[in-house]
Amino acid sequence: MDTRKTILVYQYAERIKSELIIASDLLAKMLTLRGEQRKGAEKMMRSYLETLAREIKIAQNIEKSVNFVGAEKKVMEATGRLRLAQYSEINRCISEALSFITTSCQAAMEALEQEQLI
């Protein structure tokens, strides 16, 4: 992978990693809500996860890696599980997506370190 592409992969991976951590925090907050507040929070959570999946899809235009594809699948699975109210499974999916993205980020970081760019 060329240096420019590696930098882009690193940037996308870092941003997506942050967004996944935010998703986990939003889920935790959503689970404390009840009634109409919970319904509204679920709609917002679904929208956030769908937007996050699109962000990962954009990153795949730079690098069609197994990690970006795996992360997108896990975020889409989380969206489906939200519709089914399987909350503990949503957290598992987000964690697995985070693992995929962290792997991509680590690989890009190592490549940039070899080039002495970070």
C-alpha atoms as a PDB file:
ATOM      1  CA  MET A   1       0.000   0.000   0.000  1.00  0.00           C
ATOM      2  CA  ASP A   2       1.384   3.421  -0.888  1.00  0.00           C
ATOM      3  CA  THR A   3       2.008   6.038   1.780  1.00  0.00           C
ATOM      4  CA  ARG A   4      -0.907   8.292   0.825  1.00  0.00           C
ATOM      5  CA  LYS A   5      -3.332   5.381   0.994  1.00  0.00           C
ATOM      6  CA  THR A   6      -1.867   4.245   4.322  1.00  0.00           C
ATOM      7  CA  ILE A   7      -2.363   7.721   5.793  1.00  0.00           C
ATOM      8  CA  LEU A   8      -5.984   7.772   4.615  1.00  0.00           C
ATOM      9  CA  VAL A   9      -6.646   4.310   6.055  1.00  0.00           C
ATOM     10  CA  TYR A  10      -5.133   5.412   9.362  1.00  0.00           C
ATOM     11  CA  GLN A  11      -7.260   8.577   9.453  1.00  0.00           C
ATOM     12  CA  TYR A  12     -10.484   6.730   8.649  1.00  0.00           C
ATOM     13  CA  ALA A  13      -9.708   3.965  11.146  1.00  0.00           C
ATOM     14  CA  GLU A  14      -9.041   6.468  13.936  1.00  0.00           C
ATOM     15  CA  ARG A  15     -12.241   8.378  13.187  1.00  0.00           C
ATOM     16  CA  ILE A  16     -14.346   5.210  12.975  1.00  0.00           C
ATOM     17  CA  LYS A  17     -12.789   3.917  16.183  1.00  0.00           C
ATOM     18  CA  SER A  18     -13.901   7.102  17.960  1.00  0.00           C
ATOM     19  CA  GLU A  19     -17.380   6.823  16.463  1.00  0.00           C
ATOM     20  CA  LEU A  20     -17.688   3.224  17.676  1.00  0.00           C
ATOM     21  CA  ILE A  21     -16.729   4.280  21.202  1.00  0.00           C
ATOM     22  CA  ILE A  22     -19.391   6.991  21.002  1.00  0.00           C
ATOM     23  CA  ALA A  23     -21.915   4.362  19.818  1.00  0.00           C
ATOM     24  CA  SER A  24     -21.129   2.247  22.858  1.00  0.00           C
ATOM     25  CA  ASP A  25     -21.599   5.257  25.152  1.00  0.00           C
ATOM     26  CA  LEU A  26     -24.890   6.174  23.448  1.00  0.00           C
ATOM     27  CA  LEU A  27     -26.144   2.615  23.877  1.00  0.00           C
ATOM     28  CA  ALA A  28     -25.318   2.689  27.593  1.00  0.00           C
ATOM     29  CA  LYS A  29     -27.198   5.978  27.992  1.00  0.00           C
ATOM     30  CA  MET A  30     -30.139   4.702  25.930  1.00  0.00           C
ATOM     31  CA  LEU A  31     -30.509   1.705  28.239  1.00  0.00           C
ATOM     32  CA  THR A  32     -31.084   4.012  31.218  1.00  0.00           C
ATOM     33  CA  LEU A  33     -34.129   5.599  29.566  1.00  0.00           C
ATOM     34  CA  ARG A  34     -37.736   4.399  29.744  1.00  0.00           C
ATOM     35  CA  GLY A  35     -40.992   4.851  27.861  1.00  0.00           C
ATOM     36  CA  GLU A  36     -41.172   7.492  25.156  1.00  0.00           C
ATOM     37  CA  GLN A  37     -37.634   8.635  25.886  1.00  0.00           C
ATOM     38  CA  ARG A  38     -36.366   5.108  25.134  1.00  0.00           C
ATOM     39  CA  LYS A  39     -38.317   5.013  21.855  1.00  0.00           C
ATOM     40  CA  GLY A  40     -36.812   8.326  20.776  1.00  0.00           C
ATOM     41  CA  ALA A  41     -33.336   7.235  21.845  1.00  0.00           C
ATOM     42  CA  GLU A  42     -33.692   4.010  19.844  1.00  0.00           C
ATOM     43  CA  LYS A  43     -34.542   6.020  16.724  1.00  0.00           C
ATOM     44  CA  MET A  44     -31.493   8.216  17.243  1.00  0.00           C
ATOM     45  CA  MET A  45     -29.297   5.182  17.922  1.00  0.00           C
ATOM     46  CA  ARG A  46     -30.506   3.478  14.748  1.00  0.00           C
ATOM     47  CA  SER A  47     -29.782   6.631  12.753  1.00  0.00           C
ATOM     48  CA  TYR A  48     -26.318   6.905  14.303  1.00  0.00           C
ATOM     49  CA  LEU A  49     -25.475   3.268  13.512  1.00  0.00           C
ATOM     50  CA  GLU A  50     -26.702   3.628   9.923  1.00  0.00           C
ATOM     51  CA  THR A  51     -24.566   6.748   9.491  1.00  0.00           C
ATOM     52  CA  LEU A  52     -21.587   4.925  10.992  1.00  0.00           C
ATOM     53  CA  ALA A  53     -22.060   2.047   8.525  1.00  0.00           C
ATOM     54  CA  ARG A  54     -22.003   4.571   5.661  1.00  0.00           C
ATOM     55  CA  GLU A  55     -18.788   6.071   7.047  1.00  0.00           C
ATOM     56  CA  ILE A  56     -17.200   2.618   7.056  1.00  0.00           C
ATOM     57  CA  LYS A  57     -18.422   2.086   3.479  1.00  0.00           C
ATOM     58  CA  ILE A  58     -16.635   5.294   2.452  1.00  0.00           C
ATOM     59  CA  ALA A  59     -13.442   4.002   4.079  1.00  0.00           C
ATOM     60  CA  GLN A  60     -13.808   0.845   1.988  1.00  0.00           C
ATOM     61  CA  ASN A  61     -13.470   3.012  -1.119  1.00  0.00           C
ATOM     62  CA  ILE A  62      -9.908   3.700   0.044  1.00  0.00           C
ATOM     63  CA  GLU A  63      -9.082   0.156   1.167  1.00  0.00           C
ATOM     64  CA  LYS A  64     -11.381  -2.830   0.671  1.00  0.00           C
ATOM     65  CA  SER A  65      -9.906  -4.663   3.655  1.00  0.00           C
ATOM     66  CA  VAL A  66     -11.428  -7.579   5.516  1.00  0.00           C
ATOM     67  CA  ASN A  67     -11.378  -5.384   8.628  1.00  0.00           C
ATOM     68  CA  PHE A  68     -13.468  -2.571   7.161  1.00  0.00           C
ATOM     69  CA  VAL A  69     -15.879  -5.089   5.632  1.00  0.00           C
ATOM     70  CA  GLY A  70     -16.113  -6.982   8.931  1.00  0.00           C
ATOM     71  CA  ALA A  71     -16.717  -3.783  10.883  1.00  0.00           C
ATOM     72  CA  GLU A  72     -19.474  -2.713   8.502  1.00  0.00           C
ATOM     73  CA  LYS A  73     -21.178  -6.098   8.852  1.00  0.00           C
ATOM     74  CA  LYS A  74     -21.033  -5.875  12.651  1.00  0.00           C
ATOM     75  CA  VAL A  75     -22.492  -2.352  12.671  1.00  0.00           C
ATOM     76  CA  MET A  76     -25.297  -3.466  10.351  1.00  0.00           C
ATOM     77  CA  GLU A  77     -25.897  -6.460  12.622  1.00  0.00           C
ATOM     78  CA  ALA A  78     -26.096  -4.073  15.596  1.00  0.00           C
ATOM     79  CA  THR A  79     -28.708  -2.046  13.713  1.00  0.00           C
ATOM     80  CA  GLY A  80     -30.778  -5.179  13.128  1.00  0.00           C
ATOM     81  CA  ARG A  81     -30.459  -6.254  16.751  1.00  0.00           C
ATOM     82  CA  LEU A  82     -31.610  -2.801  17.848  1.00  0.00           C
ATOM     83  CA  ARG A  83     -34.814  -3.361  15.895  1.00  0.00           C
ATOM     84  CA  LEU A  84     -35.223  -6.659  17.803  1.00  0.00           C
ATOM     85  CA  ALA A  85     -34.401  -5.065  21.195  1.00  0.00           C
ATOM     86  CA  GLN A  86     -31.429  -7.430  21.683  1.00  0.00           C
ATOM     87  CA  TYR A  87     -29.421  -4.876  23.628  1.00  0.00           C
ATOM     88  CA  SER A  88     -26.614  -7.068  24.969  1.00  0.00           C
ATOM     89  CA  GLU A  89     -25.994  -8.333  21.436  1.00  0.00           C
ATOM     90  CA  ILE A  90     -25.754  -4.761  20.149  1.00  0.00           C
ATOM     91  CA  ASN A  91     -22.905  -4.081  22.543  1.00  0.00           C
ATOM     92  CA  ARG A  92     -21.155  -7.279  21.435  1.00  0.00           C
ATOM     93  CA  CYS A  93     -21.471  -6.245  17.770  1.00  0.00           C
ATOM     94  CA  ILE A  94     -20.062  -2.791  18.489  1.00  0.00           C
ATOM     95  CA  SER A  95     -17.149  -4.363  20.390  1.00  0.00           C
ATOM     96  CA  GLU A  96     -16.395  -6.728  17.507  1.00  0.00           C
ATOM     97  CA  ALA A  97     -16.546  -3.852  15.006  1.00  0.00           C
ATOM     98  CA  LEU A  98     -14.139  -1.924  17.228  1.00  0.00           C
ATOM     99  CA  SER A  99     -11.765  -4.889  17.186  1.00  0.00           C
ATOM    100  CA  PHE A 100     -11.817  -4.993  13.370  1.00  0.00           C
ATOM    101  CA  ILE A 101     -11.143  -1.259  13.122  1.00  0.00           C
ATOM    102  CA  THR A 102      -8.395  -1.339  15.742  1.00  0.00           C
ATOM    103  CA  THR A 103      -6.641  -4.031  13.702  1.00  0.00           C
ATOM    104  CA  SER A 104      -6.777  -1.820  10.578  1.00  0.00           C
ATOM    105  CA  CYS A 105      -5.539   1.159  12.535  1.00  0.00           C
ATOM    106  CA  GLN A 106      -2.650  -0.811  14.029  1.00  0.00           C
ATOM    107  CA  ALA A 107      -1.537  -2.134  10.631  1.00  0.00           C
ATOM    108  CA  ALA A 108      -1.606   1.358   9.110  1.00  0.00           C
ATOM    109  CA  MET A 109       0.235   2.814  12.092  1.00  0.00           C
ATOM    110  CA  GLU A 110       2.983   0.190  11.831  1.00  0.00           C
ATOM    111  CA  ALA A 111       3.394   0.918   8.114  1.00  0.00           C
ATOM    112  CA  LEU A 112       3.644   4.649   8.820  1.00  0.00           C
ATOM    113  CA  GLU A 113       6.176   4.014  11.586  1.00  0.00           C
ATOM    114  CA  GLN A 114       8.325   2.042   9.126  1.00  0.00           C
ATOM    115  CA  GLU A 115       8.261   5.072   6.844  1.00  0.00           C
ATOM    116  CA  GLN A 116       9.176   7.197   9.897  1.00  0.00           C
ATOM    117  CA  LEU A 117       6.059   9.310   9.431  1.00  0.00           C
ATOM    118  CA  ILE A 118       4.857   8.824  13.007  1.00  0.00           C
END
